[in-house]
Amino acid sequence: MPFLASQDKPISRGEMDPIEQVRVRVLPDGRVSRGDAARYLGREAKTLAQWKLQGRGPRAVKVGGRVFYFLSDLEKFVRGENA
């Protein structure tokens, strides 16, 4: 069983997953591109495109022919506040 550096007890698989830090570019108004949104969620951009067509996933907005997501909406989606 794996051990955490700050704990003496073992953790079971699935009890705690490691947190991966990702870098995404956030525009001044809080928007991120589809590629950055996918990276933030740990998915492929194609998956977010499919979700949009199916009416699932976080809210997307189209600006000048490009699709963007607001970081606040992505955070809500991760927390399960909107599906």
PDB file of N, CA and C in Angstrom:
ATOM      1  N   MET A   1       0.833  -1.184   0.000  1.00  0.00           N
ATOM      2  CA  MET A   1       0.000   0.000   0.000  1.00  0.00           C
ATOM      3  C   MET A   1       0.876   1.245   0.000  1.00  0.00           C
ATOM      4  N   PRO A   2       0.460   2.279  -0.744  1.00  0.00           N
ATOM      5  CA  PRO A   2       1.264   3.505  -0.760  1.00  0.00           C
ATOM      6  C   PRO A   2       1.110   4.286   0.543  1.00  0.00           C
ATOM      7  N   PHE A   3       2.132   5.060   0.853  1.00  0.00           N
ATOM      8  CA  PHE A   3       2.105   5.909   2.035  1.00  0.00           C
ATOM      9  C   PHE A   3       2.214   7.359   1.608  1.00  0.00           C
ATOM     10  N   LEU A   4       1.579   8.223   2.343  1.00  0.00           N
ATOM     11  CA  LEU A   4       1.746   9.657   2.151  1.00  0.00           C
ATOM     12  C   LEU A   4       2.864  10.139   3.050  1.00  0.00           C
ATOM     13  N   ALA A   5       3.620  11.098   2.560  1.00  0.00           N
ATOM     14  CA  ALA A   5       4.755  11.595   3.332  1.00  0.00           C
ATOM     15  C   ALA A   5       4.322  12.188   4.664  1.00  0.00           C
ATOM     16  N   SER A   6       3.141  12.803   4.703  1.00  0.00           N
ATOM     17  CA  SER A   6       2.717  13.481   5.930  1.00  0.00           C
ATOM     18  C   SER A   6       1.913  12.574   6.855  1.00  0.00           C
ATOM     19  N   GLN A   7       1.656  11.326   6.439  1.00  0.00           N
ATOM     20  CA  GLN A   7       0.873  10.425   7.269  1.00  0.00           C
ATOM     21  C   GLN A   7       1.627   9.124   7.474  1.00  0.00           C
ATOM     22  N   ASP A   8       1.333   8.466   8.563  1.00  0.00           N
ATOM     23  CA  ASP A   8       1.956   7.184   8.843  1.00  0.00           C
ATOM     24  C   ASP A   8       1.079   6.016   8.420  1.00  0.00           C
ATOM     25  N   LYS A   9      -0.197   6.276   8.182  1.00  0.00           N
ATOM     26  CA  LYS A   9      -1.086   5.174   7.826  1.00  0.00           C
ATOM     27  C   LYS A   9      -1.144   5.013   6.303  1.00  0.00           C
ATOM     28  N   PRO A  10      -1.326   3.783   5.843  1.00  0.00           N
ATOM     29  CA  PRO A  10      -1.429   3.559   4.398  1.00  0.00           C
ATOM     30  C   PRO A  10      -2.769   4.054   3.879  1.00  0.00           C
ATOM     31  N   ILE A  11      -2.798   4.422   2.614  1.00  0.00           N
ATOM     32  CA  ILE A  11      -4.064   4.823   2.005  1.00  0.00           C
ATOM     33  C   ILE A  11      -4.456   3.750   1.004  1.00  0.00           C
ATOM     34  N   SER A  12      -5.732   3.494   0.916  1.00  0.00           N
ATOM     35  CA  SER A  12      -6.192   2.484  -0.025  1.00  0.00           C
ATOM     36  C   SER A  12      -6.379   3.111  -1.398  1.00  0.00           C
ATOM     37  N   ARG A  13      -6.303   2.296  -2.405  1.00  0.00           N
ATOM     38  CA  ARG A  13      -6.451   2.757  -3.783  1.00  0.00           C
ATOM     39  C   ARG A  13      -7.829   3.391  -3.943  1.00  0.00           C
ATOM     40  N   GLY A  14      -7.887   4.569  -4.512  1.00  0.00           N
ATOM     41  CA  GLY A  14      -9.145   5.256  -4.720  1.00  0.00           C
ATOM     42  C   GLY A  14      -9.553   6.147  -3.558  1.00  0.00           C
ATOM     43  N   GLU A  15      -8.921   5.960  -2.413  1.00  0.00           N
ATOM     44  CA  GLU A  15      -9.251   6.802  -1.267  1.00  0.00           C
ATOM     45  C   GLU A  15      -8.798   8.229  -1.518  1.00  0.00           C
ATOM     46  N   MET A  16      -7.626   8.381  -2.107  1.00  0.00           N
ATOM     47  CA  MET A  16      -7.107   9.702  -2.380  1.00  0.00           C
ATOM     48  C   MET A  16      -6.280   9.636  -3.669  1.00  0.00           C
ATOM     49  N   ASP A  17      -6.705  10.355  -4.660  1.00  0.00           N
ATOM     50  CA  ASP A  17      -5.957  10.404  -5.903  1.00  0.00           C
ATOM     51  C   ASP A  17      -5.027  11.601  -5.863  1.00  0.00           C
ATOM     52  N   PRO A  18      -3.862  11.483  -6.463  1.00  0.00           N
ATOM     53  CA  PRO A  18      -2.944  12.626  -6.478  1.00  0.00           C
ATOM     54  C   PRO A  18      -3.528  13.772  -7.311  1.00  0.00           C
ATOM     55  N   ILE A  19      -3.225  14.969  -6.899  1.00  0.00           N
ATOM     56  CA  ILE A  19      -3.704  16.159  -7.604  1.00  0.00           C
ATOM     57  C   ILE A  19      -2.626  16.593  -8.572  1.00  0.00           C
ATOM     58  N   GLU A  20      -3.011  16.705  -9.824  1.00  0.00           N
ATOM     59  CA  GLU A  20      -2.075  17.137 -10.846  1.00  0.00           C
ATOM     60  C   GLU A  20      -2.311  18.611 -11.145  1.00  0.00           C
ATOM     61  N   GLN A  21      -1.246  19.379 -11.160  1.00  0.00           N
ATOM     62  CA  GLN A  21      -1.369  20.788 -11.496  1.00  0.00           C
ATOM     63  C   GLN A  21      -1.246  20.945 -13.000  1.00  0.00           C
ATOM     64  N   VAL A  22      -2.149  21.742 -13.570  1.00  0.00           N
ATOM     65  CA  VAL A  22      -2.103  22.020 -15.004  1.00  0.00           C
ATOM     66  C   VAL A  22      -2.072  23.524 -15.200  1.00  0.00           C
ATOM     67  N   ARG A  23      -1.425  23.947 -16.260  1.00  0.00           N
ATOM     68  CA  ARG A  23      -1.362  25.370 -16.582  1.00  0.00           C
ATOM     69  C   ARG A  23      -2.338  25.656 -17.716  1.00  0.00           C
ATOM     70  N   VAL A  24      -3.212  26.612 -17.476  1.00  0.00           N
ATOM     71  CA  VAL A  24      -4.147  27.031 -18.511  1.00  0.00           C
ATOM     72  C   VAL A  24      -4.108  28.548 -18.624  1.00  0.00           C
ATOM     73  N   ARG A  25      -4.346  29.035 -19.824  1.00  0.00           N
ATOM     74  CA  ARG A  25      -4.362  30.484 -20.050  1.00  0.00           C
ATOM     75  C   ARG A  25      -5.778  30.997 -19.844  1.00  0.00           C
ATOM     76  N   VAL A  26      -5.930  31.920 -18.907  1.00  0.00           N
ATOM     77  CA  VAL A  26      -7.225  32.505 -18.585  1.00  0.00           C
ATOM     78  C   VAL A  26      -7.217  33.944 -19.080  1.00  0.00           C
ATOM     79  N   LEU A  27      -8.190  34.278 -19.927  1.00  0.00           N
ATOM     80  CA  LEU A  27      -8.302  35.640 -20.435  1.00  0.00           C
ATOM     81  C   LEU A  27      -8.771  36.569 -19.317  1.00  0.00           C
ATOM     82  N   PRO A  28      -8.575  37.878 -19.475  1.00  0.00           N
ATOM     83  CA  PRO A  28      -8.946  38.821 -18.403  1.00  0.00           C
ATOM     84  C   PRO A  28     -10.401  38.716 -17.936  1.00  0.00           C
ATOM     85  N   ASP A  29     -11.307  38.305 -18.832  1.00  0.00           N
ATOM     86  CA  ASP A  29     -12.715  38.200 -18.430  1.00  0.00           C
ATOM     87  C   ASP A  29     -13.066  36.818 -17.861  1.00  0.00           C
ATOM     88  N   GLY A  30     -12.059  35.941 -17.689  1.00  0.00           N
ATOM     89  CA  GLY A  30     -12.289  34.643 -17.070  1.00  0.00           C
ATOM     90  C   GLY A  30     -12.536  33.510 -18.049  1.00  0.00           C
ATOM     91  N   ARG A  31     -12.445  33.787 -19.353  1.00  0.00           N
ATOM     92  CA  ARG A  31     -12.664  32.743 -20.349  1.00  0.00           C
ATOM     93  C   ARG A  31     -11.402  31.923 -20.576  1.00  0.00           C
ATOM     94  N   VAL A  32     -11.606  30.647 -20.940  1.00  0.00           N
ATOM     95  CA  VAL A  32     -10.513  29.785 -21.369  1.00  0.00           C
ATOM     96  C   VAL A  32     -10.944  29.105 -22.665  1.00  0.00           C
ATOM     97  N   SER A  33      -9.970  28.774 -23.502  1.00  0.00           N
ATOM     98  CA  SER A  33     -10.273  28.102 -24.765  1.00  0.00           C
ATOM     99  C   SER A  33     -10.747  26.676 -24.501  1.00  0.00           C
ATOM    100  N   ARG A  34     -11.295  26.054 -25.532  1.00  0.00           N
ATOM    101  CA  ARG A  34     -11.752  24.672 -25.386  1.00  0.00           C
ATOM    102  C   ARG A  34     -10.575  23.760 -25.024  1.00  0.00           C
ATOM    103  N   GLY A  35      -9.423  23.981 -25.653  1.00  0.00           N
ATOM    104  CA  GLY A  35      -8.249  23.155 -25.350  1.00  0.00           C
ATOM    105  C   GLY A  35      -7.802  23.299 -23.909  1.00  0.00           C
ATOM    106  N   ASP A  36      -7.784  24.541 -23.411  1.00  0.00           N
ATOM    107  CA  ASP A  36      -7.398  24.765 -22.017  1.00  0.00           C
ATOM    108  C   ASP A  36      -8.455  24.221 -21.056  1.00  0.00           C
ATOM    109  N   ALA A  37      -9.728  24.344 -21.427  1.00  0.00           N
ATOM    110  CA  ALA A  37     -10.802  23.798 -20.585  1.00  0.00           C
ATOM    111  C   ALA A  37     -10.665  22.285 -20.488  1.00  0.00           C
ATOM    112  N   ALA A  38     -10.355  21.657 -21.619  1.00  0.00           N
ATOM    113  CA  ALA A  38     -10.173  20.204 -21.623  1.00  0.00           C
ATOM    114  C   ALA A  38      -8.993  19.807 -20.744  1.00  0.00           C
ATOM    115  N   ARG A  39      -7.904  20.539 -20.846  1.00  0.00           N
ATOM    116  CA  ARG A  39      -6.725  20.261 -20.020  1.00  0.00           C
ATOM    117  C   ARG A  39      -7.076  20.412 -18.537  1.00  0.00           C
ATOM    118  N   TYR A  40      -7.833  21.448 -18.198  1.00  0.00           N
ATOM    119  CA  TYR A  40      -8.239  21.700 -16.815  1.00  0.00           C
ATOM    120  C   TYR A  40      -9.079  20.535 -16.273  1.00  0.00           C
ATOM    121  N   LEU A  41      -9.962  19.984 -17.133  1.00  0.00           N
ATOM    122  CA  LEU A  41     -10.847  18.903 -16.712  1.00  0.00           C
ATOM    123  C   LEU A  41     -10.222  17.520 -16.862  1.00  0.00           C
ATOM    124  N   GLY A  42      -9.048  17.458 -17.506  1.00  0.00           N
ATOM    125  CA  GLY A  42      -8.410  16.165 -17.715  1.00  0.00           C
ATOM    126  C   GLY A  42      -9.072  15.356 -18.808  1.00  0.00           C
ATOM    127  N   ARG A  43      -9.645  16.035 -19.780  1.00  0.00           N
ATOM    128  CA  ARG A  43     -10.337  15.394 -20.901  1.00  0.00           C
ATOM    129  C   ARG A  43      -9.715  15.858 -22.204  1.00  0.00           C
ATOM    130  N   GLU A  44     -10.195  15.325 -23.307  1.00  0.00           N
ATOM    131  CA  GLU A  44      -9.786  15.764 -24.629  1.00  0.00           C
ATOM    132  C   GLU A  44     -10.735  16.873 -25.094  1.00  0.00           C
ATOM    133  N   ALA A  45     -10.229  17.787 -25.917  1.00  0.00           N
ATOM    134  CA  ALA A  45     -11.064  18.865 -26.451  1.00  0.00           C
ATOM    135  C   ALA A  45     -12.247  18.293 -27.229  1.00  0.00           C
ATOM    136  N   LYS A  46     -12.013  17.181 -27.911  1.00  0.00           N
ATOM    137  CA  LYS A  46     -13.072  16.522 -28.681  1.00  0.00           C
ATOM    138  C   LYS A  46     -14.229  16.090 -27.769  1.00  0.00           C
ATOM    139  N   THR A  47     -13.903  15.661 -26.556  1.00  0.00           N
ATOM    140  CA  THR A  47     -14.931  15.254 -25.595  1.00  0.00           C
ATOM    141  C   THR A  47     -15.808  16.447 -25.234  1.00  0.00           C
ATOM    142  N   LEU A  48     -15.205  17.607 -24.991  1.00  0.00           N
ATOM    143  CA  LEU A  48     -15.989  18.795 -24.666  1.00  0.00           C
ATOM    144  C   LEU A  48     -16.867  19.194 -25.842  1.00  0.00           C
ATOM    145  N   ALA A  49     -16.375  19.047 -27.065  1.00  0.00           N
ATOM    146  CA  ALA A  49     -17.169  19.357 -28.255  1.00  0.00           C
ATOM    147  C   ALA A  49     -18.384  18.421 -28.337  1.00  0.00           C
ATOM    148  N   GLN A  50     -18.167  17.148 -28.056  1.00  0.00           N
ATOM    149  CA  GLN A  50     -19.274  16.191 -28.074  1.00  0.00           C
ATOM    150  C   GLN A  50     -20.279  16.506 -26.976  1.00  0.00           C
ATOM    151  N   TRP A  51     -19.780  16.830 -25.780  1.00  0.00           N
ATOM    152  CA  TRP A  51     -20.681  17.199 -24.685  1.00  0.00           C
ATOM    153  C   TRP A  51     -21.543  18.389 -25.072  1.00  0.00           C
ATOM    154  N   LYS A  52     -20.947  19.386 -25.732  1.00  0.00           N
ATOM    155  CA  LYS A  52     -21.700  20.580 -26.127  1.00  0.00           C
ATOM    156  C   LYS A  52     -22.826  20.206 -27.087  1.00  0.00           C
ATOM    157  N   LEU A  53     -22.536  19.326 -28.049  1.00  0.00           N
ATOM    158  CA  LEU A  53     -23.558  18.878 -28.995  1.00  0.00           C
ATOM    159  C   LEU A  53     -24.679  18.110 -28.299  1.00  0.00           C
ATOM    160  N   GLN A  54     -24.341  17.391 -27.239  1.00  0.00           N
ATOM    161  CA  GLN A  54     -25.311  16.590 -26.493  1.00  0.00           C
ATOM    162  C   GLN A  54     -26.017  17.391 -25.396  1.00  0.00           C
ATOM    163  N   GLY A  55     -25.623  18.654 -25.210  1.00  0.00           N
ATOM    164  CA  GLY A  55     -26.226  19.475 -24.164  1.00  0.00           C
ATOM    165  C   GLY A  55     -25.738  19.109 -22.773  1.00  0.00           C
ATOM    166  N   ARG A  56     -24.558  18.488 -22.692  1.00  0.00           N
ATOM    167  CA  ARG A  56     -23.978  18.088 -21.408  1.00  0.00           C
ATOM    168  C   ARG A  56     -22.766  18.956 -21.114  1.00  0.00           C
ATOM    169  N   GLY A  57     -22.160  18.712 -19.964  1.00  0.00           N
ATOM    170  CA  GLY A  57     -20.913  19.384 -19.625  1.00  0.00           C
ATOM    171  C   GLY A  57     -21.098  20.819 -19.179  1.00  0.00           C
ATOM    172  N   PRO A  58     -19.986  21.520 -18.988  1.00  0.00           N
ATOM    173  CA  PRO A  58     -20.061  22.917 -18.543  1.00  0.00           C
ATOM    174  C   PRO A  58     -20.581  23.826 -19.658  1.00  0.00           C
ATOM    175  N   ARG A  59     -21.118  24.953 -19.276  1.00  0.00           N
ATOM    176  CA  ARG A  59     -21.662  25.929 -20.226  1.00  0.00           C
ATOM    177  C   ARG A  59     -20.547  26.466 -21.110  1.00  0.00           C
ATOM    178  N   ALA A  60     -20.824  26.524 -22.400  1.00  0.00           N
ATOM    179  CA  ALA A  60     -19.857  27.048 -23.369  1.00  0.00           C
ATOM    180  C   ALA A  60     -20.442  28.281 -24.047  1.00  0.00           C
ATOM    181  N   VAL A  61     -19.577  29.205 -24.434  1.00  0.00           N
ATOM    182  CA  VAL A  61     -20.002  30.399 -25.170  1.00  0.00           C
ATOM    183  C   VAL A  61     -19.176  30.500 -26.446  1.00  0.00           C
ATOM    184  N   LYS A  62     -19.801  31.006 -27.487  1.00  0.00           N
ATOM    185  CA  LYS A  62     -19.107  31.168 -28.762  1.00  0.00           C
ATOM    186  C   LYS A  62     -18.830  32.651 -28.965  1.00  0.00           C
ATOM    187  N   VAL A  63     -17.571  32.979 -29.216  1.00  0.00           N
ATOM    188  CA  VAL A  63     -17.160  34.366 -29.443  1.00  0.00           C
ATOM    189  C   VAL A  63     -16.308  34.390 -30.704  1.00  0.00           C
ATOM    190  N   GLY A  64     -16.769  35.117 -31.708  1.00  0.00           N
ATOM    191  CA  GLY A  64     -16.003  35.228 -32.946  1.00  0.00           C
ATOM    192  C   GLY A  64     -15.723  33.891 -33.604  1.00  0.00           C
ATOM    193  N   GLY A  65     -16.667  32.958 -33.511  1.00  0.00           N
ATOM    194  CA  GLY A  65     -16.504  31.657 -34.128  1.00  0.00           C
ATOM    195  C   GLY A  65     -15.715  30.658 -33.303  1.00  0.00           C
ATOM    196  N   ARG A  66     -15.187  31.070 -32.155  1.00  0.00           N
ATOM    197  CA  ARG A  66     -14.436  30.159 -31.275  1.00  0.00           C
ATOM    198  C   ARG A  66     -15.241  29.864 -30.019  1.00  0.00           C
ATOM    199  N   VAL A  67     -15.053  28.675 -29.490  1.00  0.00           N
ATOM    200  CA  VAL A  67     -15.782  28.250 -28.288  1.00  0.00           C
ATOM    201  C   VAL A  67     -14.904  28.463 -27.066  1.00  0.00           C
ATOM    202  N   PHE A  68     -15.493  29.076 -26.047  1.00  0.00           N
ATOM    203  CA  PHE A  68     -14.805  29.335 -24.785  1.00  0.00           C
ATOM    204  C   PHE A  68     -15.650  28.844 -23.624  1.00  0.00           C
ATOM    205  N   TYR A  69     -14.988  28.650 -22.503  1.00  0.00           N
ATOM    206  CA  TYR A  69     -15.642  28.271 -21.249  1.00  0.00           C
ATOM    207  C   TYR A  69     -15.168  29.240 -20.187  1.00  0.00           C
ATOM    208  N   PHE A  70     -16.054  29.609 -19.272  1.00  0.00           N
ATOM    209  CA  PHE A  70     -15.651  30.449 -18.152  1.00  0.00           C
ATOM    210  C   PHE A  70     -15.067  29.557 -17.058  1.00  0.00           C
ATOM    211  N   LEU A  71     -13.951  29.989 -16.504  1.00  0.00           N
ATOM    212  CA  LEU A  71     -13.280  29.216 -15.468  1.00  0.00           C
ATOM    213  C   LEU A  71     -14.223  28.942 -14.297  1.00  0.00           C
ATOM    214  N   SER A  72     -15.048  29.909 -13.943  1.00  0.00           N
ATOM    215  CA  SER A  72     -15.995  29.707 -12.836  1.00  0.00           C
ATOM    216  C   SER A  72     -16.983  28.581 -13.154  1.00  0.00           C
ATOM    217  N   ASP A  73     -17.401  28.467 -14.423  1.00  0.00           N
ATOM    218  CA  ASP A  73     -18.302  27.375 -14.819  1.00  0.00           C
ATOM    219  C   ASP A  73     -17.589  26.026 -14.764  1.00  0.00           C
ATOM    220  N   LEU A  74     -16.304  26.005 -15.131  1.00  0.00           N
ATOM    221  CA  LEU A  74     -15.536  24.762 -15.058  1.00  0.00           C
ATOM    222  C   LEU A  74     -15.389  24.315 -13.611  1.00  0.00           C
ATOM    223  N   GLU A  75     -15.133  25.270 -12.719  1.00  0.00           N
ATOM    224  CA  GLU A  75     -14.999  24.934 -11.301  1.00  0.00           C
ATOM    225  C   GLU A  75     -16.306  24.384 -10.742  1.00  0.00           C
ATOM    226  N   LYS A  76     -17.439  24.981 -11.141  1.00  0.00           N
ATOM    227  CA  LYS A  76     -18.747  24.477 -10.707  1.00  0.00           C
ATOM    228  C   LYS A  76     -18.981  23.068 -11.238  1.00  0.00           C
ATOM    229  N   PHE A  77     -18.598  22.836 -12.483  1.00  0.00           N
ATOM    230  CA  PHE A  77     -18.775  21.522 -13.092  1.00  0.00           C
ATOM    231  C   PHE A  77     -17.964  20.470 -12.334  1.00  0.00           C
ATOM    232  N   VAL A  78     -16.737  20.807 -11.977  1.00  0.00           N
ATOM    233  CA  VAL A  78     -15.879  19.876 -11.238  1.00  0.00           C
ATOM    234  C   VAL A  78     -16.508  19.541  -9.876  1.00  0.00           C
ATOM    235  N   ARG A  79     -17.113  20.549  -9.243  1.00  0.00           N
ATOM    236  CA  ARG A  79     -17.746  20.334  -7.943  1.00  0.00           C
ATOM    237  C   ARG A  79     -19.097  19.635  -8.063  1.00  0.00           C
ATOM    238  N   GLY A  80     -19.584  19.468  -9.312  1.00  0.00           N
ATOM    239  CA  GLY A  80     -20.860  18.795  -9.524  1.00  0.00           C
ATOM    240  C   GLY A  80     -22.065  19.686  -9.332  1.00  0.00           C
ATOM    241  N   GLU A  81     -21.871  21.004  -9.386  1.00  0.00           N
ATOM    242  CA  GLU A  81     -22.975  21.932  -9.166  1.00  0.00           C
ATOM    243  C   GLU A  81     -23.851  22.117 -10.384  1.00  0.00           C
ATOM    244  N   ASN A  82     -23.336  21.785 -11.566  1.00  0.00           N
ATOM    245  CA  ASN A  82     -24.167  21.804 -12.768  1.00  0.00           C
ATOM    246  C   ASN A  82     -23.730  20.660 -13.663  1.00  0.00           C
ATOM    247  N   ALA A  83     -24.682  19.965 -14.204  1.00  0.00           N
ATOM    248  CA  ALA A  83     -24.341  18.803 -15.041  1.00  0.00           C
ATOM    249  C   ALA A  83     -24.902  18.954 -16.430  1.00  0.00           C
TER     250      ALA A  83
END
